[in-house]
Each structure stands twice: as structure tokens, then as C-alpha cells.
C-alpha atoms as a PDB file:
ATOM      1  CA  UNK A   1      45.407 -55.069 -38.401  1.00  0.00           C
ATOM      2  CA  UNK A   2      45.962 -53.032 -41.578  1.00  0.00           C
ATOM      3  CA  UNK A   3      47.195 -49.501 -41.852  1.00  0.00           C
ATOM      4  CA  UNK A   4      43.668 -48.291 -42.742  1.00  0.00           C
ATOM      5  CA  UNK A   5      42.217 -49.893 -39.610  1.00  0.00           C
ATOM      6  CA  UNK A   6      44.898 -48.330 -37.422  1.00  0.00           C
ATOM      7  CA  UNK A   7      44.294 -44.937 -38.954  1.00  0.00           C
ATOM      8  CA  UNK A   8      40.533 -45.243 -38.400  1.00  0.00           C
ATOM      9  CA  UNK A   9      40.969 -46.206 -34.756  1.00  0.00           C
ATOM     10  CA  UNK A  10      43.348 -43.293 -34.247  1.00  0.00           C
ATOM     11  CA  UNK A  11      40.793 -40.917 -35.734  1.00  0.00           C
ATOM     12  CA  UNK A  12      38.096 -42.224 -33.383  1.00  0.00           C
ATOM     13  CA  UNK A  13      40.402 -41.769 -30.365  1.00  0.00           C
ATOM     14  CA  UNK A  14      41.233 -38.259 -31.563  1.00  0.00           C
ATOM     15  CA  UNK A  15      37.542 -37.387 -31.978  1.00  0.00           C
ATOM     16  CA  UNK A  16      36.744 -38.685 -28.500  1.00  0.00           C
ATOM     17  CA  UNK A  17      39.601 -36.675 -27.036  1.00  0.00           C
ATOM     18  CA  UNK A  18      38.348 -33.583 -28.834  1.00  0.00           C
ATOM     19  CA  UNK A  19      34.842 -34.093 -27.462  1.00  0.00           C
ATOM     20  CA  UNK A  20      36.193 -34.639 -23.946  1.00  0.00           C
ATOM     21  CA  UNK A  21      38.319 -31.475 -24.113  1.00  0.00           C
ATOM     22  CA  UNK A  22      35.401 -29.492 -25.551  1.00  0.00           C
ATOM     23  CA  UNK A  23      33.130 -30.709 -22.760  1.00  0.00           C
ATOM     24  CA  UNK A  24      35.639 -29.711 -20.094  1.00  0.00           C
ATOM     25  CA  UNK A  25      36.004 -26.297 -21.723  1.00  0.00           C
ATOM     26  CA  UNK A  26      32.243 -25.734 -21.689  1.00  0.00           C
ATOM     27  CA  UNK A  27      32.025 -26.818 -18.036  1.00  0.00           C
ATOM     28  CA  UNK A  28      34.824 -24.429 -17.062  1.00  0.00           C
ATOM     29  CA  UNK A  29      33.099 -21.623 -18.956  1.00  0.00           C
ATOM     30  CA  UNK A  30      29.808 -22.282 -17.119  1.00  0.00           C
ATOM     31  CA  UNK A  31      31.556 -22.338 -13.736  1.00  0.00           C
ATOM     32  CA  UNK A  32      33.267 -19.062 -14.564  1.00  0.00           C
ATOM     33  CA  UNK A  33      30.053 -17.326 -15.592  1.00  0.00           C
ATOM     34  CA  UNK A  34      28.120 -18.525 -12.569  1.00  0.00           C
ATOM     35  CA  UNK A  35      30.816 -17.612 -10.091  1.00  0.00           C
ATOM     36  CA  UNK A  36      31.927 -14.323 -11.622  1.00  0.00           C
ATOM     37  CA  UNK A  37      31.758 -11.483  -9.151  1.00  0.00           C
ATOM     38  CA  UNK A  38      30.255 -13.579  -6.367  1.00  0.00           C
ATOM     39  CA  UNK A  39      32.820 -16.178  -5.401  1.00  0.00           C
ATOM     40  CA  UNK A  40      30.118 -18.827  -5.433  1.00  0.00           C
ATOM     41  CA  UNK A  41      28.174 -20.921  -7.896  1.00  0.00           C
ATOM     42  CA  UNK A  42      24.954 -18.957  -8.128  1.00  0.00           C
ATOM     43  CA  UNK A  43      23.031 -17.244 -10.883  1.00  0.00           C
ATOM     44  CA  UNK A  44      23.255 -13.495 -10.987  1.00  0.00           C
ATOM     45  CA  UNK A  45      19.600 -12.505 -11.301  1.00  0.00           C
ATOM     46  CA  UNK A  46      17.813  -9.295 -10.509  1.00  0.00           C
ATOM     47  CA  UNK A  47      15.390  -9.594  -7.571  1.00  0.00           C
ATOM     48  CA  UNK A  48      11.772 -10.002  -8.651  1.00  0.00           C
ATOM     49  CA  UNK A  49       9.775  -6.887  -7.720  1.00  0.00           C
ATOM     50  CA  UNK A  50       6.619  -8.461  -6.312  1.00  0.00           C
ATOM     51  CA  UNK A  51       5.218  -5.088  -5.229  1.00  0.00           C
ATOM     52  CA  UNK A  52       5.277  -3.696  -8.770  1.00  0.00           C
ATOM     53  CA  UNK A  53       3.850  -6.954 -10.090  1.00  0.00           C
ATOM     54  CA  UNK A  54       0.904  -6.767  -7.653  1.00  0.00           C
ATOM     55  CA  UNK A  55       0.269  -3.116  -8.507  1.00  0.00           C
ATOM     56  CA  UNK A  56       0.220  -3.838 -12.233  1.00  0.00           C
ATOM     57  CA  UNK A  57      -2.002  -6.895 -11.774  1.00  0.00           C
ATOM     58  CA  UNK A  58      -4.538  -4.955  -9.704  1.00  0.00           C
ATOM     59  CA  UNK A  59      -4.563  -2.123 -12.231  1.00  0.00           C
ATOM     60  CA  UNK A  60      -5.210  -4.603 -15.032  1.00  0.00           C
ATOM     61  CA  UNK A  61      -8.294  -6.238 -13.519  1.00  0.00           C
ATOM     62  CA  UNK A  62     -10.442  -7.380 -16.451  1.00  0.00           C
ATOM     63  CA  UNK A  63     -13.388  -4.940 -16.781  1.00  0.00           C
ATOM     64  CA  UNK A  64     -15.783  -7.671 -17.916  1.00  0.00           C
ATOM     65  CA  UNK A  65     -15.881  -9.457 -14.556  1.00  0.00           C
ATOM     66  CA  UNK A  66     -19.385  -9.041 -13.117  1.00  0.00           C
ATOM     67  CA  UNK A  67     -21.032 -10.905 -10.283  1.00  0.00           C
ATOM     68  CA  UNK A  68     -24.428 -11.174 -11.922  1.00  0.00           C
ATOM     69  CA  UNK A  69     -26.278  -9.960 -15.017  1.00  0.00           C
ATOM     70  CA  UNK A  70     -28.452  -7.600 -12.982  1.00  0.00           C
ATOM     71  CA  UNK A  71     -25.415  -5.612 -11.853  1.00  0.00           C
ATOM     72  CA  UNK A  72     -24.123  -5.054 -15.360  1.00  0.00           C
ATOM     73  CA  UNK A  73     -20.563  -4.182 -16.228  1.00  0.00           C
ATOM     74  CA  UNK A  74     -19.195  -1.683 -13.715  1.00  0.00           C
ATOM     75  CA  UNK A  75     -22.480  -1.564 -11.790  1.00  0.00           C
ATOM     76  CA  UNK A  76     -23.112  -1.999  -8.078  1.00  0.00           C
ATOM     77  CA  UNK A  77     -22.817  -5.610  -6.986  1.00  0.00           C
ATOM     78  CA  UNK A  78     -25.512  -5.029  -4.387  1.00  0.00           C
ATOM     79  CA  UNK A  79     -28.020  -5.846  -7.128  1.00  0.00           C
ATOM     80  CA  UNK A  80     -26.782  -9.453  -6.936  1.00  0.00           C
ATOM     81  CA  UNK A  81     -27.735  -9.918  -3.281  1.00  0.00           C
ATOM     82  CA  UNK A  82     -30.596  -9.596  -0.860  1.00  0.00           C
ATOM     83  CA  UNK A  83     -31.103  -5.847  -0.213  1.00  0.00           C
ATOM     84  CA  UNK A  84     -29.103  -4.834   2.822  1.00  0.00           C
ATOM     85  CA  UNK A  85     -31.949  -3.101   4.630  1.00  0.00           C
ATOM     86  CA  UNK A  86     -33.989  -6.310   4.437  1.00  0.00           C
ATOM     87  CA  UNK A  87     -31.010  -8.418   5.491  1.00  0.00           C
ATOM     88  CA  UNK A  88     -30.108  -6.168   8.426  1.00  0.00           C
ATOM     89  CA  UNK A  89     -33.723  -5.962   9.623  1.00  0.00           C
ATOM     90  CA  UNK A  90     -34.111  -9.754   9.482  1.00  0.00           C
ATOM     91  CA  UNK A  91     -30.806 -10.339  11.304  1.00  0.00           C
ATOM     92  CA  UNK A  92     -31.532  -7.681  13.907  1.00  0.00           C
ATOM     93  CA  UNK A  93     -28.088  -6.191  13.390  1.00  0.00           C
ATOM     94  CA  UNK A  94     -26.246  -4.053  10.878  1.00  0.00           C
ATOM     95  CA  UNK A  95     -22.964  -4.819   9.168  1.00  0.00           C
ATOM     96  CA  UNK A  96     -20.155  -2.531  10.256  1.00  0.00           C
ATOM     97  CA  UNK A  97     -16.354  -2.636  10.380  1.00  0.00           C
ATOM     98  CA  UNK A  98     -14.380  -1.476  13.391  1.00  0.00           C
ATOM     99  CA  UNK A  99     -10.753  -1.121  12.292  1.00  0.00           C
ATOM    100  CA  UNK A 100      -8.492  -1.205  15.347  1.00  0.00           C
ATOM    101  CA  UNK A 101      -5.065   0.296  14.667  1.00  0.00           C
ATOM    102  CA  UNK A 102      -2.174   0.963  17.017  1.00  0.00           C
ATOM    103  CA  UNK A 103       1.249  -0.217  18.083  1.00  0.00           C
ATOM    104  CA  UNK A 104       1.919  -3.832  18.998  1.00  0.00           C
ATOM    105  CA  UNK A 105       0.788  -4.248  22.605  1.00  0.00           C
ATOM    106  CA  UNK A 106      -1.683  -1.361  22.477  1.00  0.00           C
ATOM    107  CA  UNK A 107      -4.636  -3.633  23.302  1.00  0.00           C
ATOM    108  CA  UNK A 108      -6.200  -4.135  19.867  1.00  0.00           C
ATOM    109  CA  UNK A 109      -6.800  -7.876  20.132  1.00  0.00           C
ATOM    110  CA  UNK A 110      -7.529  -7.859  23.872  1.00  0.00           C
ATOM    111  CA  UNK A 111     -10.266  -5.244  23.636  1.00  0.00           C
ATOM    112  CA  UNK A 112     -11.687  -6.624  20.387  1.00  0.00           C
ATOM    113  CA  UNK A 113     -11.981 -10.103  21.931  1.00  0.00           C
ATOM    114  CA  UNK A 114     -13.716  -8.666  24.991  1.00  0.00           C
ATOM    115  CA  UNK A 115     -16.101  -6.754  22.716  1.00  0.00           C
ATOM    116  CA  UNK A 116     -16.744  -9.873  20.634  1.00  0.00           C
ATOM    117  CA  UNK A 117     -17.557 -11.888  23.752  1.00  0.00           C
ATOM    118  CA  UNK A 118     -19.999  -9.233  24.957  1.00  0.00           C
ATOM    119  CA  UNK A 119     -21.677  -8.936  21.567  1.00  0.00           C
ATOM    120  CA  UNK A 120     -22.054 -12.688  21.035  1.00  0.00           C
ATOM    121  CA  UNK A 121     -22.840 -13.946  24.535  1.00  0.00           C
ATOM    122  CA  UNK A 122     -24.836 -11.016  25.913  1.00  0.00           C
ATOM    123  CA  UNK A 123     -26.409  -9.567  22.775  1.00  0.00           C
ATOM    124  CA  UNK A 124     -26.606 -12.616  20.495  1.00  0.00           C
ATOM    125  CA  UNK A 125     -24.894 -10.884  17.580  1.00  0.00           C
ATOM    126  CA  UNK A 126     -22.870 -12.301  14.704  1.00  0.00           C
ATOM    127  CA  UNK A 127     -19.277 -11.093  14.947  1.00  0.00           C
ATOM    128  CA  UNK A 128     -16.089 -11.916  13.069  1.00  0.00           C
ATOM    129  CA  UNK A 129     -12.620 -10.820  14.184  1.00  0.00           C
ATOM    130  CA  UNK A 130      -9.878 -10.516  11.567  1.00  0.00           C
ATOM    131  CA  UNK A 131      -6.684 -10.366  13.590  1.00  0.00           C
ATOM    132  CA  UNK A 132      -3.169  -9.696  12.345  1.00  0.00           C
ATOM    133  CA  UNK A 133      -2.053 -13.064  13.683  1.00  0.00           C
ATOM    134  CA  UNK A 134      -4.908 -15.289  12.558  1.00  0.00           C
ATOM    135  CA  UNK A 135      -4.900 -13.916   8.998  1.00  0.00           C
ATOM    136  CA  UNK A 136      -1.141 -14.501   8.752  1.00  0.00           C
ATOM    137  CA  UNK A 137      -1.766 -18.197   9.426  1.00  0.00           C
ATOM    138  CA  UNK A 138      -3.847 -18.474   6.268  1.00  0.00           C
ATOM    139  CA  UNK A 139      -4.958 -15.573   4.091  1.00  0.00           C
ATOM    140  CA  UNK A 140      -1.674 -13.667   4.435  1.00  0.00           C
ATOM    141  CA  UNK A 141       0.667 -16.594   4.987  1.00  0.00           C
ATOM    142  CA  UNK A 142       2.752 -15.584   1.974  1.00  0.00           C
ATOM    143  CA  UNK A 143       3.361 -12.017   3.171  1.00  0.00           C
ATOM    144  CA  UNK A 144       6.247 -10.579   5.163  1.00  0.00           C
ATOM    145  CA  UNK A 145       6.633  -7.228   6.877  1.00  0.00           C
ATOM    146  CA  UNK A 146       7.970  -4.984   4.126  1.00  0.00           C
ATOM    147  CA  UNK A 147       5.910  -1.842   3.386  1.00  0.00           C
ATOM    148  CA  UNK A 148       4.634  -3.479   0.192  1.00  0.00           C
ATOM    149  CA  UNK A 149       3.609  -6.670   2.005  1.00  0.00           C
ATOM    150  CA  UNK A 150       1.961  -4.694   4.788  1.00  0.00           C
ATOM    151  CA  UNK A 151      -0.008  -2.748   2.176  1.00  0.00           C
ATOM    152  CA  UNK A 152      -1.141  -5.998   0.549  1.00  0.00           C
ATOM    153  CA  UNK A 153      -2.095  -7.403   3.958  1.00  0.00           C
ATOM    154  CA  UNK A 154      -4.307  -4.391   4.657  1.00  0.00           C
ATOM    155  CA  UNK A 155      -5.824  -4.586   1.165  1.00  0.00           C
ATOM    156  CA  UNK A 156      -6.715  -8.269   1.523  1.00  0.00           C
ATOM    157  CA  UNK A 157      -8.125  -7.893   5.013  1.00  0.00           C
ATOM    158  CA  UNK A 158     -10.024  -4.789   3.908  1.00  0.00           C
ATOM    159  CA  UNK A 159     -11.675  -6.740   1.088  1.00  0.00           C
ATOM    160  CA  UNK A 160     -12.557  -9.571   3.460  1.00  0.00           C
ATOM    161  CA  UNK A 161     -14.001  -7.071   5.931  1.00  0.00           C
ATOM    162  CA  UNK A 162     -16.195  -5.625   3.168  1.00  0.00           C
ATOM    163  CA  UNK A 163     -17.624  -9.076   2.435  1.00  0.00           C
ATOM    164  CA  UNK A 164     -18.452  -9.788   6.085  1.00  0.00           C
ATOM    165  CA  UNK A 165     -19.786  -6.267   6.584  1.00  0.00           C
ATOM    166  CA  UNK A 166     -22.068  -6.477   3.539  1.00  0.00           C
ATOM    167  CA  UNK A 167     -23.412  -9.763   4.923  1.00  0.00           C
ATOM    168  CA  UNK A 168     -24.549  -8.030   8.104  1.00  0.00           C
ATOM    169  CA  UNK A 169     -21.665  -9.169  10.300  1.00  0.00           C
ATOM    170  CA  UNK A 170     -20.096  -6.893  12.895  1.00  0.00           C
ATOM    171  CA  UNK A 171     -16.484  -7.120  11.746  1.00  0.00           C
ATOM    172  CA  UNK A 172     -13.556  -6.375  14.058  1.00  0.00           C
ATOM    173  CA  UNK A 173     -10.234  -5.855  12.286  1.00  0.00           C
ATOM    174  CA  UNK A 174      -7.198  -5.769  14.566  1.00  0.00           C
ATOM    175  CA  UNK A 175      -4.101  -4.900  12.556  1.00  0.00           C
ATOM    176  CA  UNK A 176      -1.156  -2.663  13.383  1.00  0.00           C
ATOM    177  CA  UNK A 177      -1.674  -1.299   9.826  1.00  0.00           C
ATOM    178  CA  UNK A 178       1.048   1.328  10.312  1.00  0.00           C
ATOM    179  CA  UNK A 179       0.569   3.332   7.124  1.00  0.00           C
ATOM    180  CA  UNK A 180      -2.187   5.929   6.927  1.00  0.00           C
ATOM    181  CA  UNK A 181      -2.625   5.575   3.163  1.00  0.00           C
ATOM    182  CA  UNK A 182      -3.322   1.832   3.468  1.00  0.00           C
ATOM    183  CA  UNK A 183      -5.985   2.387   6.129  1.00  0.00           C
ATOM    184  CA  UNK A 184      -7.533   5.196   4.093  1.00  0.00           C
ATOM    185  CA  UNK A 185      -7.691   2.873   1.092  1.00  0.00           C
ATOM    186  CA  UNK A 186      -9.546   0.280   3.196  1.00  0.00           C
ATOM    187  CA  UNK A 187     -11.986   2.963   4.314  1.00  0.00           C
ATOM    188  CA  UNK A 188     -12.564   4.083   0.724  1.00  0.00           C
ATOM    189  CA  UNK A 189     -13.319   0.515  -0.392  1.00  0.00           C
ATOM    190  CA  UNK A 190     -16.014   0.384   2.291  1.00  0.00           C
ATOM    191  CA  UNK A 191     -17.417   3.800   1.413  1.00  0.00           C
ATOM    192  CA  UNK A 192     -17.522   2.978  -2.305  1.00  0.00           C
ATOM    193  CA  UNK A 193     -19.803   0.058  -1.435  1.00  0.00           C
ATOM    194  CA  UNK A 194     -21.944   1.999   1.022  1.00  0.00           C
ATOM    195  CA  UNK A 195     -20.508   0.143   4.019  1.00  0.00           C
ATOM    196  CA  UNK A 196     -19.835   1.666   7.430  1.00  0.00           C
ATOM    197  CA  UNK A 197     -16.196   1.856   8.505  1.00  0.00           C
ATOM    198  CA  UNK A 198     -14.992   3.178  11.860  1.00  0.00           C
ATOM    199  CA  UNK A 199     -11.296   3.643  12.564  1.00  0.00           C
ATOM    200  CA  UNK A 200     -10.503   2.916  16.220  1.00  0.00           C
ATOM    201  CA  UNK A 201      -7.167   4.344  17.326  1.00  0.00           C
ATOM    202  CA  UNK A 202      -5.593   2.530  20.254  1.00  0.00           C
ATOM    203  CA  UNK A 203      -3.937   5.699  21.466  1.00  0.00           C
ATOM    204  CA  UNK A 204      -1.209   4.246  23.665  1.00  0.00           C
ATOM    205  CA  UNK A 205       2.344   5.690  23.698  1.00  0.00           C
ATOM    206  CA  UNK A 206       5.413   3.633  22.857  1.00  0.00           C
ATOM    207  CA  UNK A 207       6.713   3.738  26.438  1.00  0.00           C
ATOM    208  CA  UNK A 208       3.531   2.085  27.699  1.00  0.00           C
ATOM    209  CA  UNK A 209       3.479  -0.745  25.150  1.00  0.00           C
ATOM    210  CA  UNK A 210       7.181  -1.383  25.795  1.00  0.00           C
ATOM    211  CA  UNK A 211       6.370  -1.847  29.471  1.00  0.00           C
ATOM    212  CA  UNK A 212       3.448  -4.131  28.694  1.00  0.00           C
ATOM    213  CA  UNK A 213       5.340  -6.172  26.068  1.00  0.00           C
ATOM    214  CA  UNK A 214       2.809  -9.079  26.187  1.00  0.00           C
ATOM    215  CA  UNK A 215       4.653 -11.151  23.572  1.00  0.00           C
ATOM    216  CA  UNK A 216       8.185 -10.201  24.565  1.00  0.00           C
ATOM    217  CA  UNK A 217       8.747  -8.584  21.179  1.00  0.00           C
ATOM    218  CA  UNK A 218      10.052  -5.271  22.465  1.00  0.00           C
ATOM    219  CA  UNK A 219      12.623  -7.116  24.563  1.00  0.00           C
ATOM    220  CA  UNK A 220      13.834  -8.842  21.396  1.00  0.00           C
ATOM    221  CA  UNK A 221      13.963  -5.493  19.609  1.00  0.00           C
ATOM    222  CA  UNK A 222      16.071  -4.051  22.432  1.00  0.00           C
ATOM    223  CA  UNK A 223      18.386  -7.060  22.207  1.00  0.00           C
ATOM    224  CA  UNK A 224      18.822  -6.524  18.484  1.00  0.00           C
ATOM    225  CA  UNK A 225      17.067  -9.769  17.585  1.00  0.00           C
ATOM    226  CA  UNK A 226      14.293  -8.032  15.607  1.00  0.00           C
ATOM    227  CA  UNK A 227      14.856  -5.230  13.107  1.00  0.00           C
ATOM    228  CA  UNK A 228      12.362  -2.941  11.406  1.00  0.00           C
ATOM    229  CA  UNK A 229       9.835  -3.089  14.247  1.00  0.00           C
ATOM    230  CA  UNK A 230       6.883  -0.706  13.990  1.00  0.00           C
ATOM    231  CA  UNK A 231       7.145   2.293  16.270  1.00  0.00           C
ATOM    232  CA  UNK A 232      10.802   1.648  17.137  1.00  0.00           C
ATOM    233  CA  UNK A 233      12.894   1.549  13.970  1.00  0.00           C
ATOM    234  CA  UNK A 234      10.023   1.469  11.462  1.00  0.00           C
ATOM    235  CA  UNK A 235       7.288   4.104  11.109  1.00  0.00           C
ATOM    236  CA  UNK A 236       3.814   4.150  12.592  1.00  0.00           C
ATOM    237  CA  UNK A 237       1.520   6.830  11.191  1.00  0.00           C
ATOM    238  CA  UNK A 238      -1.187   7.556  13.750  1.00  0.00           C
ATOM    239  CA  UNK A 239      -4.679   8.446  12.497  1.00  0.00           C
ATOM    240  CA  UNK A 240      -5.222  12.172  12.072  1.00  0.00           C
ATOM    241  CA  UNK A 241      -8.962  12.029  12.763  1.00  0.00           C
ATOM    242  CA  UNK A 242      -9.936   8.606  14.102  1.00  0.00           C
ATOM    243  CA  UNK A 243     -13.631   7.859  14.466  1.00  0.00           C
ATOM    244  CA  UNK A 244     -12.962   6.556  17.981  1.00  0.00           C
ATOM    245  CA  UNK A 245      -9.928   7.603  20.018  1.00  0.00           C
ATOM    246  CA  UNK A 246      -9.265   5.042  22.733  1.00  0.00           C
ATOM    247  CA  UNK A 247      -6.409   5.870  25.158  1.00  0.00           C
ATOM    248  CA  UNK A 248      -6.909   2.534  26.844  1.00  0.00           C
ATOM    249  CA  UNK A 249      -4.005   2.901  29.269  1.00  0.00           C
ATOM    250  CA  UNK A 250      -6.332   5.273  31.125  1.00  0.00           C
ATOM    251  CA  UNK A 251      -9.335   2.937  30.970  1.00  0.00           C
ATOM    252  CA  UNK A 252     -10.248  -0.575  31.993  1.00  0.00           C
ATOM    253  CA  UNK A 253     -11.092  -3.168  29.356  1.00  0.00           C
ATOM    254  CA  UNK A 254     -14.753  -3.030  30.427  1.00  0.00           C
ATOM    255  CA  UNK A 255     -14.808   0.747  30.031  1.00  0.00           C
ATOM    256  CA  UNK A 256     -13.350   0.441  26.524  1.00  0.00           C
ATOM    257  CA  UNK A 257     -15.968  -2.162  25.602  1.00  0.00           C
ATOM    258  CA  UNK A 258     -18.745   0.102  26.883  1.00  0.00           C
ATOM    259  CA  UNK A 259     -17.507   3.008  24.741  1.00  0.00           C
ATOM    260  CA  UNK A 260     -17.501   0.775  21.662  1.00  0.00           C
ATOM    261  CA  UNK A 261     -20.927  -0.686  22.434  1.00  0.00           C
ATOM    262  CA  UNK A 262     -22.418   2.785  22.718  1.00  0.00           C
ATOM    263  CA  UNK A 263     -21.024   3.727  19.321  1.00  0.00           C
ATOM    264  CA  UNK A 264     -22.271   0.503  17.741  1.00  0.00           C
ATOM    265  CA  UNK A 265     -25.725   1.158  19.154  1.00  0.00           C
ATOM    266  CA  UNK A 266     -25.682   4.719  17.794  1.00  0.00           C
ATOM    267  CA  UNK A 267     -24.795   3.363  14.353  1.00  0.00           C
ATOM    268  CA  UNK A 268     -27.695   0.905  14.456  1.00  0.00           C
ATOM    269  CA  UNK A 269     -25.370  -2.094  14.421  1.00  0.00           C
ATOM    270  CA  UNK A 270     -27.191  -3.753  17.333  1.00  0.00           C
ATOM    271  CA  UNK A 271     -30.699  -3.417  15.923  1.00  0.00           C
ATOM    272  CA  UNK A 272     -30.315  -3.200  12.163  1.00  0.00           C
ATOM    273  CA  UNK A 273     -31.578   0.385  12.199  1.00  0.00           C
ATOM    274  CA  UNK A 274     -29.792   3.655  12.925  1.00  0.00           C
ATOM    275  CA  UNK A 275     -30.989   5.335  16.087  1.00  0.00           C
ATOM    276  CA  UNK A 276     -32.475   8.778  15.415  1.00  0.00           C
END
């Protein structure tokens, strides 16, 4: 092998060594950057603020979305559907939303289910219950229990309630919905569309629901297994002027159902017409 060949081979080995050393240097630099200040190999990223993202997205709803030509841009969507008075008269019932709010264990779901059974089996009415648990299995499956997620849960369920209500369905919403502003926003969405909304306050004190503890949640809270639980170490803002105040610890389930039936009848929900 000539001197030129030996020199060429040496240059190749030198170049390879340089590349190897450069690669190791880059790898070390990457490891250093990723682990700096954390002691672990993870990217230092700011948490994504989903609440602000949702708020901005809702505020930026395209103004040109209309349900039908008859409604026009920004007009009432009722123009796109069978008139409600005709619908309600034909169905023999009137759409209405009963929004049950109260602490966990205050009887929201129990009383709503008993009311639903009475309405469907004894009165032949169309009823839909939107419960905090059943909506979290589907519609709200991506939401947690932060204030922002709770607000989004109430917003979504409120919109769904409006759709059922407008279709003439007696809609029973059973959500803890701890924040007054979120419930008020759901009410306003109904009122803006000319839909009836009744807030039903399950007026049961914390001591009583802790004794009931149907799901064993308060026991887990006491044991420190659950943090940020509504009414214990997270706020619950009771309604200031509920449409129906229901201190159900003083009443039987049947008595509660009777109170609600009387109000539904007065609102025309059982006939399609308001009683004069």
C-alpha cells in the first residue's frame, strides 16, 4: 500500500472519529437540556390552559352559522322547526327543564328517577334525565372536576337540556353544579330561547348527606383518599332564590314527587298548556 493510500485511510478514520465524537457531544447536550432542573429526562413545557382555550373558542364562534335560511344570521332558530305551541299541543305535554342542584347524597338522582317513573308510567309522558354520572360516561368523559371542567360540564348539559326541552321533553338535570354563575348561565341559555327552566334546590345540610353517604364518598374524603370534594374542601354555592326549595330530609320521596308534579302541572308541562 502506498503512502497516499495510507494517508487517505487515515483521513477517513479521522473523519469517522470526528463524527462519532460530534454525535456523542450532541447526545450529551440533549440529555443535559432535557434533564436540567428536573433530575429526569422530560421536556420542560408550560401546562396547556384548556380553560382559556375553551373560552376563546366559544367567544370566536363563527357568526355565519345558521340552522336554516328562514332563521337568518343571528335570528331565532325556532323558525327552523315546528312551532312549539303546535308541537306541545300535539304531544300533550310541554318542554321544561328541572335543574336539580345540591350536595352529593342530597337525593337529586333518587327523586328525579322517582319523578321520571311517575311521569312515564302513570302519566305517559316523555322524559329524559341527564345525570352527572351518565353524562360523564359519554358526553363529558373528557372532563375532570376542576372549576373550569365543572363549568364546561354544566354548559354542555345545559345545551343538551335546551335541545330536549325545545322538543317538548320534560328534562330532568341532576348535577351537583356547585357554582352559582354556571347554573345562572344555563338558565339564561334557556330564557334566551324562550324555554322554561326551574332550579330545584335539594336543601339538605352537609351533616345529613355525610350520614347518608350512599356511595361511600364522604368516608373516602374523611380518610384523605379524595381531595377537593364539594361541600367539604371545595365550595358549594347554594341557590339564592331557587324556583323549588326541597328540604327532602324532612319529606318522603313520594311527597317530593308530589310537590314536583304539582309544579309541572301548574306550568302546563303535563298538558301542553299553562293552567290559568
